[in-house]
């Protein structure tokens, strides 16, 4: 299993402000999308950045194979598990144990957590350059739903649904509305 961190890439410096990051900010903005993604994060332990990565590729009419998604997950696993999740845990613990008493500290931790998420997305963006650019040739919405459903199936250890019906309809609709 290949695990990489932000400095392990041989592709040069990471590009933090990239089209994947901007796509994610736009798609994740509606509260329905955030709630949908966070519910899956809690239920399945999935990485919302990988979910968004799948949607971004679908938005570009690029179908991802399960091996593409697995490789993307491996690329960011160490960073996500040792940096992003602990920051999220600290932020939540401050809120749970101290309420609003340390709201300023919680806000600063949230900013750092968001920066760590941006680094993770930059790692995924760098990896995206290595993915075969096979166009799916079907409806963009179907490709988005297929990619997202494939990741959800992978995380739930299930077979992806044959139907292109989205498991996360708000995410798929928001992703489809953006121009690729």
N, C-alpha and C. Protein backbone atom coordinates (compact mmCIF):
# COMPACT_ATOMS: atom_id res chain seq x y z
N UNK A 1 0.84 -1.17 0.00
CA UNK A 1 0.00 0.00 0.00
C UNK A 1 0.89 1.24 0.00
N UNK A 2 0.66 2.11 -0.94
CA UNK A 2 1.42 3.35 -1.06
C UNK A 2 0.72 4.43 -0.26
N UNK A 3 1.42 5.00 0.67
CA UNK A 3 0.86 6.13 1.42
C UNK A 3 1.74 7.33 1.15
N UNK A 4 1.11 8.45 0.89
CA UNK A 4 1.87 9.65 0.62
C UNK A 4 1.39 10.76 1.51
N UNK A 5 2.29 11.66 1.77
CA UNK A 5 1.94 12.88 2.49
C UNK A 5 2.13 14.04 1.56
N UNK A 6 1.91 15.23 2.03
CA UNK A 6 1.99 16.38 1.14
C UNK A 6 3.36 16.59 0.53
N UNK A 7 4.42 16.10 1.13
CA UNK A 7 5.76 16.32 0.59
C UNK A 7 6.28 15.11 -0.18
N UNK A 8 5.51 14.03 -0.22
CA UNK A 8 5.99 12.81 -0.86
C UNK A 8 5.77 12.80 -2.36
N UNK A 9 5.13 13.79 -2.88
CA UNK A 9 4.81 13.82 -4.31
C UNK A 9 6.04 14.18 -5.13
N UNK A 10 6.22 13.47 -6.24
CA UNK A 10 7.31 13.82 -7.13
C UNK A 10 6.81 14.75 -8.25
N UNK A 11 5.62 15.29 -8.09
CA UNK A 11 5.04 16.17 -9.10
C UNK A 11 5.35 17.63 -8.80
N UNK A 12 6.22 17.91 -7.86
CA UNK A 12 6.54 19.29 -7.53
C UNK A 12 5.64 19.81 -6.43
N UNK A 13 5.59 21.11 -6.34
CA UNK A 13 4.79 21.76 -5.31
C UNK A 13 3.30 21.51 -5.54
N UNK A 14 2.58 21.36 -4.46
CA UNK A 14 1.13 21.18 -4.55
C UNK A 14 0.47 22.50 -4.91
N UNK A 15 -0.57 22.42 -5.68
CA UNK A 15 -1.34 23.60 -6.07
C UNK A 15 -2.59 23.66 -5.20
N UNK A 16 -2.60 24.58 -4.24
CA UNK A 16 -3.68 24.63 -3.26
C UNK A 16 -4.95 25.25 -3.82
N UNK A 17 -4.84 26.31 -4.59
CA UNK A 17 -6.02 26.92 -5.19
C UNK A 17 -6.14 26.37 -6.60
N UNK A 18 -6.93 25.31 -6.73
CA UNK A 18 -7.06 24.63 -8.01
C UNK A 18 -8.54 24.45 -8.37
N UNK A 19 -8.81 23.95 -9.54
CA UNK A 19 -10.20 23.82 -9.98
C UNK A 19 -10.99 22.84 -9.12
N UNK A 20 -10.35 21.80 -8.60
CA UNK A 20 -11.04 20.86 -7.71
C UNK A 20 -11.45 21.56 -6.42
N UNK A 21 -10.57 22.36 -5.83
CA UNK A 21 -10.87 23.10 -4.60
C UNK A 21 -12.05 24.06 -4.83
N UNK A 22 -12.00 24.80 -5.93
CA UNK A 22 -13.07 25.76 -6.23
C UNK A 22 -14.39 25.04 -6.49
N UNK A 23 -14.34 23.90 -7.18
CA UNK A 23 -15.53 23.07 -7.40
C UNK A 23 -16.12 22.64 -6.05
N UNK A 24 -15.25 22.15 -5.17
CA UNK A 24 -15.71 21.66 -3.86
C UNK A 24 -16.36 22.75 -3.04
N UNK A 25 -15.75 23.94 -3.02
CA UNK A 25 -16.34 25.05 -2.27
C UNK A 25 -17.73 25.39 -2.79
N UNK A 26 -17.88 25.42 -4.11
CA UNK A 26 -19.17 25.76 -4.71
C UNK A 26 -20.21 24.67 -4.48
N UNK A 27 -19.83 23.41 -4.63
CA UNK A 27 -20.77 22.30 -4.48
C UNK A 27 -21.17 22.11 -3.01
N UNK A 28 -20.24 22.28 -2.11
CA UNK A 28 -20.47 21.99 -0.69
C UNK A 28 -21.23 23.11 0.02
N UNK A 29 -21.35 24.25 -0.61
CA UNK A 29 -21.97 25.41 0.03
C UNK A 29 -23.41 25.18 0.49
N UNK A 30 -24.30 24.62 -0.35
CA UNK A 30 -25.68 24.42 0.12
C UNK A 30 -25.71 23.49 1.33
N UNK A 31 -26.47 23.87 2.33
CA UNK A 31 -26.49 23.08 3.57
C UNK A 31 -26.98 21.65 3.34
N UNK A 32 -27.84 21.44 2.33
CA UNK A 32 -28.33 20.08 2.06
C UNK A 32 -27.18 19.18 1.63
N UNK A 33 -26.26 19.72 0.84
CA UNK A 33 -25.11 18.93 0.38
C UNK A 33 -24.20 18.63 1.57
N UNK A 34 -23.90 19.64 2.35
CA UNK A 34 -23.04 19.43 3.53
C UNK A 34 -23.65 18.39 4.46
N UNK A 35 -24.95 18.51 4.73
CA UNK A 35 -25.62 17.55 5.62
C UNK A 35 -25.58 16.13 5.06
N UNK A 36 -25.80 16.01 3.77
CA UNK A 36 -25.76 14.71 3.10
C UNK A 36 -24.37 14.08 3.21
N UNK A 37 -23.35 14.86 2.91
CA UNK A 37 -21.97 14.37 2.96
C UNK A 37 -21.56 14.02 4.39
N UNK A 38 -21.89 14.87 5.33
CA UNK A 38 -21.52 14.61 6.72
C UNK A 38 -22.24 13.40 7.29
N UNK A 39 -23.48 13.16 6.86
CA UNK A 39 -24.21 11.97 7.30
C UNK A 39 -23.51 10.71 6.81
N UNK A 40 -23.02 10.73 5.56
CA UNK A 40 -22.27 9.58 5.05
C UNK A 40 -20.93 9.44 5.75
N UNK A 41 -20.30 10.54 6.08
CA UNK A 41 -19.04 10.50 6.82
C UNK A 41 -19.25 9.81 8.16
N UNK A 42 -20.32 10.17 8.84
CA UNK A 42 -20.60 9.57 10.15
C UNK A 42 -21.00 8.10 10.02
N UNK A 43 -21.85 7.79 9.04
CA UNK A 43 -22.37 6.43 8.90
C UNK A 43 -21.33 5.44 8.39
N UNK A 44 -20.50 5.87 7.45
CA UNK A 44 -19.58 4.94 6.78
C UNK A 44 -18.11 5.23 7.04
N UNK A 45 -17.81 6.36 7.68
CA UNK A 45 -16.43 6.73 7.90
C UNK A 45 -15.72 7.16 6.63
N UNK A 46 -16.48 7.56 5.63
CA UNK A 46 -15.84 7.96 4.38
C UNK A 46 -15.22 9.34 4.48
N UNK A 47 -14.37 9.63 3.54
CA UNK A 47 -13.67 10.91 3.46
C UNK A 47 -14.46 11.79 2.50
N UNK A 48 -15.03 12.89 2.99
CA UNK A 48 -15.83 13.78 2.16
C UNK A 48 -15.01 14.31 0.99
N UNK A 49 -13.72 14.50 1.17
CA UNK A 49 -12.89 14.97 0.05
C UNK A 49 -12.84 13.95 -1.09
N UNK A 50 -12.82 12.67 -0.77
CA UNK A 50 -12.86 11.64 -1.81
C UNK A 50 -14.23 11.64 -2.48
N UNK A 51 -15.28 11.81 -1.71
CA UNK A 51 -16.62 11.90 -2.26
C UNK A 51 -16.71 13.07 -3.25
N UNK A 52 -16.18 14.21 -2.86
CA UNK A 52 -16.17 15.38 -3.74
C UNK A 52 -15.27 15.15 -4.97
N UNK A 53 -14.18 14.44 -4.77
CA UNK A 53 -13.27 14.09 -5.87
C UNK A 53 -14.02 13.26 -6.93
N UNK A 54 -14.84 12.31 -6.46
CA UNK A 54 -15.64 11.49 -7.37
C UNK A 54 -16.65 12.36 -8.12
N UNK A 55 -17.29 13.27 -7.42
CA UNK A 55 -18.27 14.16 -8.05
C UNK A 55 -17.59 15.09 -9.06
N UNK A 56 -16.41 15.60 -8.70
CA UNK A 56 -15.68 16.50 -9.59
C UNK A 56 -15.33 15.79 -10.90
N UNK A 57 -14.84 14.56 -10.80
CA UNK A 57 -14.54 13.82 -12.02
C UNK A 57 -15.80 13.57 -12.84
N UNK A 58 -16.88 13.20 -12.17
CA UNK A 58 -18.14 13.00 -12.88
C UNK A 58 -18.61 14.26 -13.57
N UNK A 59 -18.41 15.41 -12.91
CA UNK A 59 -18.77 16.70 -13.50
C UNK A 59 -18.01 16.93 -14.79
N UNK A 60 -16.83 16.36 -14.88
CA UNK A 60 -15.98 16.48 -16.07
C UNK A 60 -16.21 15.31 -17.03
N UNK A 61 -17.27 14.51 -16.75
CA UNK A 61 -17.65 13.33 -17.55
C UNK A 61 -16.55 12.28 -17.59
N UNK A 62 -15.81 12.15 -16.50
CA UNK A 62 -14.76 11.14 -16.39
C UNK A 62 -15.22 10.09 -15.38
N UNK A 63 -15.39 8.89 -15.88
CA UNK A 63 -15.79 7.77 -15.01
C UNK A 63 -14.56 7.22 -14.31
N UNK A 64 -14.66 7.07 -13.01
CA UNK A 64 -13.56 6.51 -12.22
C UNK A 64 -13.78 5.03 -12.00
N UNK A 65 -12.72 4.26 -12.07
CA UNK A 65 -12.80 2.85 -11.72
C UNK A 65 -12.65 2.74 -10.20
N UNK A 66 -13.01 1.59 -9.68
CA UNK A 66 -12.81 1.38 -8.25
C UNK A 66 -11.33 1.48 -7.91
N UNK A 67 -10.46 1.02 -8.79
CA UNK A 67 -9.02 1.10 -8.51
C UNK A 67 -8.55 2.56 -8.49
N UNK A 68 -9.15 3.44 -9.32
CA UNK A 68 -8.84 4.88 -9.26
C UNK A 68 -9.20 5.43 -7.88
N UNK A 69 -10.38 5.07 -7.41
CA UNK A 69 -10.87 5.58 -6.13
C UNK A 69 -10.03 5.02 -4.98
N UNK A 70 -9.70 3.75 -5.06
CA UNK A 70 -8.85 3.15 -4.03
C UNK A 70 -7.48 3.81 -3.99
N UNK A 71 -6.91 4.08 -5.16
CA UNK A 71 -5.60 4.74 -5.22
C UNK A 71 -5.69 6.15 -4.64
N UNK A 72 -6.73 6.89 -4.98
CA UNK A 72 -6.91 8.24 -4.43
C UNK A 72 -7.01 8.17 -2.90
N UNK A 73 -7.74 7.18 -2.40
CA UNK A 73 -7.89 7.02 -0.95
C UNK A 73 -6.55 6.73 -0.29
N UNK A 74 -5.74 5.87 -0.92
CA UNK A 74 -4.42 5.56 -0.36
C UNK A 74 -3.51 6.78 -0.35
N UNK A 75 -3.60 7.59 -1.40
CA UNK A 75 -2.73 8.78 -1.52
C UNK A 75 -2.90 9.70 -0.31
N UNK A 76 -4.14 9.86 0.15
CA UNK A 76 -4.41 10.83 1.22
C UNK A 76 -4.64 10.19 2.59
N UNK A 77 -4.61 8.87 2.67
CA UNK A 77 -4.98 8.17 3.91
C UNK A 77 -4.18 8.62 5.12
N UNK A 78 -2.87 8.65 4.99
CA UNK A 78 -2.04 9.02 6.15
C UNK A 78 -2.32 10.45 6.58
N UNK A 79 -2.40 11.37 5.63
CA UNK A 79 -2.67 12.78 5.94
C UNK A 79 -4.05 12.91 6.60
N UNK A 80 -5.03 12.26 6.01
CA UNK A 80 -6.40 12.37 6.52
C UNK A 80 -6.49 11.80 7.94
N UNK A 81 -5.89 10.63 8.15
CA UNK A 81 -5.99 9.97 9.46
C UNK A 81 -5.15 10.62 10.54
N UNK A 82 -4.00 11.20 10.17
CA UNK A 82 -3.12 11.75 11.21
C UNK A 82 -3.25 13.26 11.38
N UNK A 83 -3.89 13.94 10.43
CA UNK A 83 -4.01 15.40 10.54
C UNK A 83 -5.48 15.85 10.52
N UNK A 84 -6.20 15.53 9.46
CA UNK A 84 -7.56 16.05 9.30
C UNK A 84 -8.49 15.53 10.39
N UNK A 85 -8.54 14.22 10.56
CA UNK A 85 -9.46 13.66 11.58
C UNK A 85 -9.13 14.14 12.99
N UNK A 86 -7.86 14.15 13.40
CA UNK A 86 -7.58 14.66 14.75
C UNK A 86 -7.99 16.13 14.93
N UNK A 87 -7.78 16.96 13.93
CA UNK A 87 -8.22 18.36 14.03
C UNK A 87 -9.74 18.43 14.19
N UNK A 88 -10.46 17.64 13.41
CA UNK A 88 -11.92 17.59 13.52
C UNK A 88 -12.34 17.15 14.92
N UNK A 89 -11.64 16.15 15.42
CA UNK A 89 -11.95 15.64 16.75
C UNK A 89 -11.72 16.70 17.82
N UNK A 90 -10.62 17.42 17.73
CA UNK A 90 -10.31 18.49 18.69
C UNK A 90 -11.40 19.57 18.63
N UNK A 91 -11.76 19.98 17.42
CA UNK A 91 -12.79 21.01 17.26
C UNK A 91 -14.11 20.56 17.89
N UNK A 92 -14.51 19.32 17.62
CA UNK A 92 -15.76 18.79 18.19
C UNK A 92 -15.68 18.65 19.70
N UNK A 93 -14.52 18.23 20.19
CA UNK A 93 -14.36 18.04 21.63
C UNK A 93 -14.45 19.37 22.37
N UNK A 94 -13.89 20.41 21.79
CA UNK A 94 -13.98 21.74 22.40
C UNK A 94 -15.44 22.15 22.51
N UNK A 95 -16.20 21.92 21.45
CA UNK A 95 -17.62 22.30 21.46
C UNK A 95 -18.40 21.46 22.47
N UNK A 96 -18.15 20.16 22.48
CA UNK A 96 -18.87 19.26 23.38
C UNK A 96 -18.57 19.54 24.84
N UNK A 97 -17.29 19.67 25.16
CA UNK A 97 -16.89 19.81 26.57
C UNK A 97 -16.99 21.23 27.11
N UNK A 98 -16.87 22.22 26.22
CA UNK A 98 -16.77 23.59 26.73
C UNK A 98 -17.80 24.55 26.12
N UNK A 99 -18.63 24.07 25.21
CA UNK A 99 -19.66 24.91 24.63
C UNK A 99 -19.06 26.15 23.99
N UNK A 100 -19.61 27.29 24.35
CA UNK A 100 -19.17 28.55 23.77
C UNK A 100 -18.02 29.20 24.54
N UNK A 101 -17.61 28.57 25.63
CA UNK A 101 -16.56 29.15 26.47
C UNK A 101 -15.27 29.41 25.69
N UNK A 102 -14.95 28.52 24.75
CA UNK A 102 -13.73 28.66 23.96
C UNK A 102 -14.07 28.73 22.47
N UNK A 103 -15.08 29.51 22.14
CA UNK A 103 -15.54 29.64 20.75
C UNK A 103 -14.44 30.16 19.83
N UNK A 104 -13.63 31.09 20.32
CA UNK A 104 -12.55 31.63 19.49
C UNK A 104 -11.51 30.57 19.15
N UNK A 105 -11.16 29.77 20.14
CA UNK A 105 -10.20 28.68 19.89
C UNK A 105 -10.80 27.68 18.91
N UNK A 106 -12.06 27.30 19.12
CA UNK A 106 -12.73 26.36 18.21
C UNK A 106 -12.73 26.91 16.78
N UNK A 107 -12.98 28.20 16.62
CA UNK A 107 -12.99 28.82 15.29
C UNK A 107 -11.60 28.76 14.64
N UNK A 108 -10.56 28.96 15.45
CA UNK A 108 -9.19 28.89 14.90
C UNK A 108 -8.85 27.45 14.50
N UNK A 109 -9.28 26.48 15.31
CA UNK A 109 -9.03 25.08 14.98
C UNK A 109 -9.79 24.73 13.69
N UNK A 110 -11.00 25.25 13.54
CA UNK A 110 -11.78 25.00 12.33
C UNK A 110 -11.07 25.57 11.09
N UNK A 111 -10.46 26.74 11.22
CA UNK A 111 -9.70 27.33 10.11
C UNK A 111 -8.51 26.45 9.73
N UNK A 112 -7.83 25.92 10.74
CA UNK A 112 -6.69 25.04 10.48
C UNK A 112 -7.17 23.73 9.87
N UNK A 113 -8.29 23.23 10.34
CA UNK A 113 -8.88 22.01 9.78
C UNK A 113 -9.21 22.23 8.29
N UNK A 114 -9.79 23.37 7.97
CA UNK A 114 -10.11 23.67 6.57
C UNK A 114 -8.84 23.77 5.73
N UNK A 115 -7.79 24.34 6.28
CA UNK A 115 -6.52 24.40 5.57
C UNK A 115 -5.95 22.99 5.34
N UNK A 116 -6.10 22.12 6.33
CA UNK A 116 -5.65 20.73 6.17
C UNK A 116 -6.47 20.02 5.10
N UNK A 117 -7.76 20.31 5.04
CA UNK A 117 -8.62 19.74 3.98
C UNK A 117 -8.16 20.24 2.61
N UNK A 118 -7.77 21.51 2.53
CA UNK A 118 -7.32 22.07 1.26
C UNK A 118 -6.02 21.38 0.81
N UNK A 119 -5.15 21.09 1.75
CA UNK A 119 -3.91 20.36 1.42
C UNK A 119 -4.26 18.98 0.90
N UNK A 120 -5.20 18.31 1.56
CA UNK A 120 -5.63 16.98 1.10
C UNK A 120 -6.18 17.07 -0.33
N UNK A 121 -6.97 18.09 -0.59
CA UNK A 121 -7.52 18.24 -1.93
C UNK A 121 -6.42 18.54 -2.96
N UNK A 122 -5.41 19.28 -2.54
CA UNK A 122 -4.28 19.55 -3.45
C UNK A 122 -3.55 18.25 -3.78
N UNK A 123 -3.45 17.35 -2.81
CA UNK A 123 -2.85 16.04 -3.06
C UNK A 123 -3.69 15.26 -4.07
N UNK A 124 -5.01 15.31 -3.91
CA UNK A 124 -5.90 14.62 -4.84
C UNK A 124 -5.85 15.25 -6.23
N UNK A 125 -5.76 16.56 -6.28
CA UNK A 125 -5.67 17.26 -7.56
C UNK A 125 -4.39 16.84 -8.30
N UNK A 126 -3.29 16.73 -7.58
CA UNK A 126 -2.03 16.28 -8.20
C UNK A 126 -2.18 14.85 -8.71
N UNK A 127 -2.83 14.01 -7.93
CA UNK A 127 -3.05 12.62 -8.35
C UNK A 127 -3.96 12.55 -9.57
N UNK A 128 -4.92 13.45 -9.69
CA UNK A 128 -5.88 13.43 -10.80
C UNK A 128 -5.19 13.48 -12.15
N UNK A 129 -4.02 14.06 -12.20
CA UNK A 129 -3.28 14.16 -13.47
C UNK A 129 -2.86 12.79 -13.97
N UNK A 130 -2.80 11.80 -13.07
CA UNK A 130 -2.39 10.45 -13.44
C UNK A 130 -3.55 9.54 -13.84
N UNK A 131 -4.77 9.99 -13.65
CA UNK A 131 -5.94 9.16 -13.94
C UNK A 131 -6.20 9.16 -15.44
N UNK A 132 -6.44 7.97 -15.97
CA UNK A 132 -6.77 7.85 -17.39
C UNK A 132 -8.00 8.70 -17.69
N UNK A 133 -7.91 9.47 -18.70
CA UNK A 133 -8.99 10.39 -19.08
C UNK A 133 -10.01 9.72 -19.99
N UNK A 134 -10.57 8.62 -19.55
CA UNK A 134 -11.58 7.97 -20.38
C UNK A 134 -12.93 8.63 -20.14
N UNK A 135 -13.44 9.22 -21.15
CA UNK A 135 -14.75 9.87 -21.06
C UNK A 135 -15.81 8.78 -21.04
N UNK A 136 -16.79 8.97 -20.20
CA UNK A 136 -17.83 7.97 -20.02
C UNK A 136 -18.79 7.92 -21.20
N UNK A 137 -18.98 9.04 -21.88
CA UNK A 137 -19.85 9.06 -23.04
C UNK A 137 -21.34 9.01 -22.70
N UNK A 138 -21.68 9.13 -21.43
CA UNK A 138 -23.09 9.15 -21.04
C UNK A 138 -23.40 10.49 -20.41
N UNK A 139 -24.60 10.61 -19.96
CA UNK A 139 -25.07 11.83 -19.33
C UNK A 139 -24.20 12.18 -18.12
N UNK A 140 -23.84 13.45 -18.02
CA UNK A 140 -22.97 13.92 -16.93
C UNK A 140 -23.53 13.53 -15.56
N UNK A 141 -24.84 13.69 -15.36
CA UNK A 141 -25.46 13.34 -14.08
C UNK A 141 -25.24 11.86 -13.77
N UNK A 142 -25.34 11.01 -14.80
CA UNK A 142 -25.12 9.58 -14.60
C UNK A 142 -23.68 9.28 -14.18
N UNK A 143 -22.74 9.99 -14.78
CA UNK A 143 -21.32 9.77 -14.45
C UNK A 143 -21.04 10.24 -13.02
N UNK A 144 -21.58 11.38 -12.65
CA UNK A 144 -21.41 11.87 -11.27
C UNK A 144 -21.97 10.84 -10.30
N UNK A 145 -23.21 10.41 -10.54
CA UNK A 145 -23.86 9.43 -9.65
C UNK A 145 -23.08 8.12 -9.61
N UNK A 146 -22.59 7.67 -10.77
CA UNK A 146 -21.85 6.41 -10.82
C UNK A 146 -20.57 6.50 -9.98
N UNK A 147 -19.80 7.58 -10.15
CA UNK A 147 -18.56 7.74 -9.40
C UNK A 147 -18.83 7.79 -7.90
N UNK A 148 -19.80 8.60 -7.50
CA UNK A 148 -20.14 8.77 -6.08
C UNK A 148 -20.64 7.45 -5.51
N UNK A 149 -21.54 6.78 -6.23
CA UNK A 149 -22.07 5.50 -5.76
C UNK A 149 -20.97 4.44 -5.64
N UNK A 150 -20.00 4.48 -6.54
CA UNK A 150 -18.89 3.52 -6.49
C UNK A 150 -18.08 3.71 -5.19
N UNK A 151 -17.82 4.96 -4.83
CA UNK A 151 -17.08 5.21 -3.59
C UNK A 151 -17.90 4.79 -2.37
N UNK A 152 -19.17 5.12 -2.36
CA UNK A 152 -20.03 4.73 -1.22
C UNK A 152 -20.08 3.22 -1.11
N UNK A 153 -20.21 2.52 -2.23
CA UNK A 153 -20.23 1.06 -2.21
C UNK A 153 -18.90 0.51 -1.69
N UNK A 154 -17.80 1.13 -2.11
CA UNK A 154 -16.48 0.70 -1.65
C UNK A 154 -16.38 0.83 -0.13
N UNK A 155 -16.86 1.95 0.39
CA UNK A 155 -16.75 2.20 1.83
C UNK A 155 -17.73 1.36 2.64
N UNK A 156 -18.85 0.98 2.03
CA UNK A 156 -19.83 0.17 2.75
C UNK A 156 -19.63 -1.32 2.47
N UNK A 157 -18.58 -1.62 1.69
CA UNK A 157 -18.25 -3.00 1.32
C UNK A 157 -19.43 -3.66 0.59
N UNK A 158 -20.04 -2.89 -0.28
CA UNK A 158 -21.23 -3.32 -1.00
C UNK A 158 -20.97 -3.23 -2.49
N UNK A 159 -21.85 -3.82 -3.25
CA UNK A 159 -21.78 -3.72 -4.70
C UNK A 159 -22.49 -2.43 -5.10
N UNK A 160 -21.89 -1.63 -6.00
CA UNK A 160 -22.55 -0.40 -6.39
C UNK A 160 -23.87 -0.70 -7.09
N UNK A 161 -24.87 0.15 -6.89
CA UNK A 161 -26.17 -0.09 -7.53
C UNK A 161 -26.05 -0.05 -9.05
N UNK A 162 -26.83 -0.89 -9.72
CA UNK A 162 -26.83 -0.92 -11.19
C UNK A 162 -27.42 0.38 -11.73
N UNK A 163 -28.36 0.92 -11.00
CA UNK A 163 -29.03 2.15 -11.41
C UNK A 163 -28.10 3.32 -11.26
N UNK A 164 -28.30 4.32 -12.08
CA UNK A 164 -27.50 5.54 -11.94
C UNK A 164 -28.18 6.53 -11.01
N UNK A 165 -29.18 6.06 -10.27
CA UNK A 165 -29.83 6.94 -9.31
C UNK A 165 -28.82 7.32 -8.23
N UNK A 166 -28.71 8.58 -7.93
CA UNK A 166 -27.71 9.00 -6.96
C UNK A 166 -28.08 8.61 -5.54
N UNK A 167 -27.09 8.14 -4.81
CA UNK A 167 -27.27 7.87 -3.39
C UNK A 167 -27.30 9.19 -2.62
N UNK A 168 -26.66 10.19 -3.16
CA UNK A 168 -26.61 11.52 -2.55
C UNK A 168 -27.15 12.55 -3.56
N UNK A 169 -28.47 12.64 -3.65
CA UNK A 169 -29.06 13.47 -4.72
C UNK A 169 -28.69 14.95 -4.65
N UNK A 170 -28.56 15.52 -3.47
CA UNK A 170 -28.22 16.94 -3.38
C UNK A 170 -26.82 17.19 -3.92
N UNK A 171 -25.88 16.32 -3.58
CA UNK A 171 -24.51 16.46 -4.09
C UNK A 171 -24.49 16.34 -5.61
N UNK A 172 -25.18 15.34 -6.15
CA UNK A 172 -25.17 15.13 -7.59
C UNK A 172 -25.79 16.32 -8.31
N UNK A 173 -26.91 16.82 -7.81
CA UNK A 173 -27.55 17.99 -8.45
C UNK A 173 -26.66 19.22 -8.38
N UNK A 174 -26.03 19.45 -7.23
CA UNK A 174 -25.15 20.62 -7.09
C UNK A 174 -23.95 20.48 -8.02
N UNK A 175 -23.38 19.30 -8.13
CA UNK A 175 -22.22 19.08 -9.00
C UNK A 175 -22.61 19.25 -10.46
N UNK A 176 -23.78 18.79 -10.80
CA UNK A 176 -24.23 18.86 -12.19
C UNK A 176 -24.47 20.30 -12.62
N UNK A 177 -24.89 21.15 -11.70
CA UNK A 177 -25.18 22.56 -12.02
C UNK A 177 -23.93 23.35 -12.39
N UNK A 178 -22.78 22.90 -11.92
CA UNK A 178 -21.53 23.61 -12.21
C UNK A 178 -21.05 23.25 -13.60
N UNK A 179 -20.52 24.21 -14.28
CA UNK A 179 -19.93 23.96 -15.60
C UNK A 179 -18.62 23.20 -15.41
N UNK A 180 -18.40 22.22 -16.25
CA UNK A 180 -17.13 21.46 -16.14
C UNK A 180 -16.02 22.18 -16.85
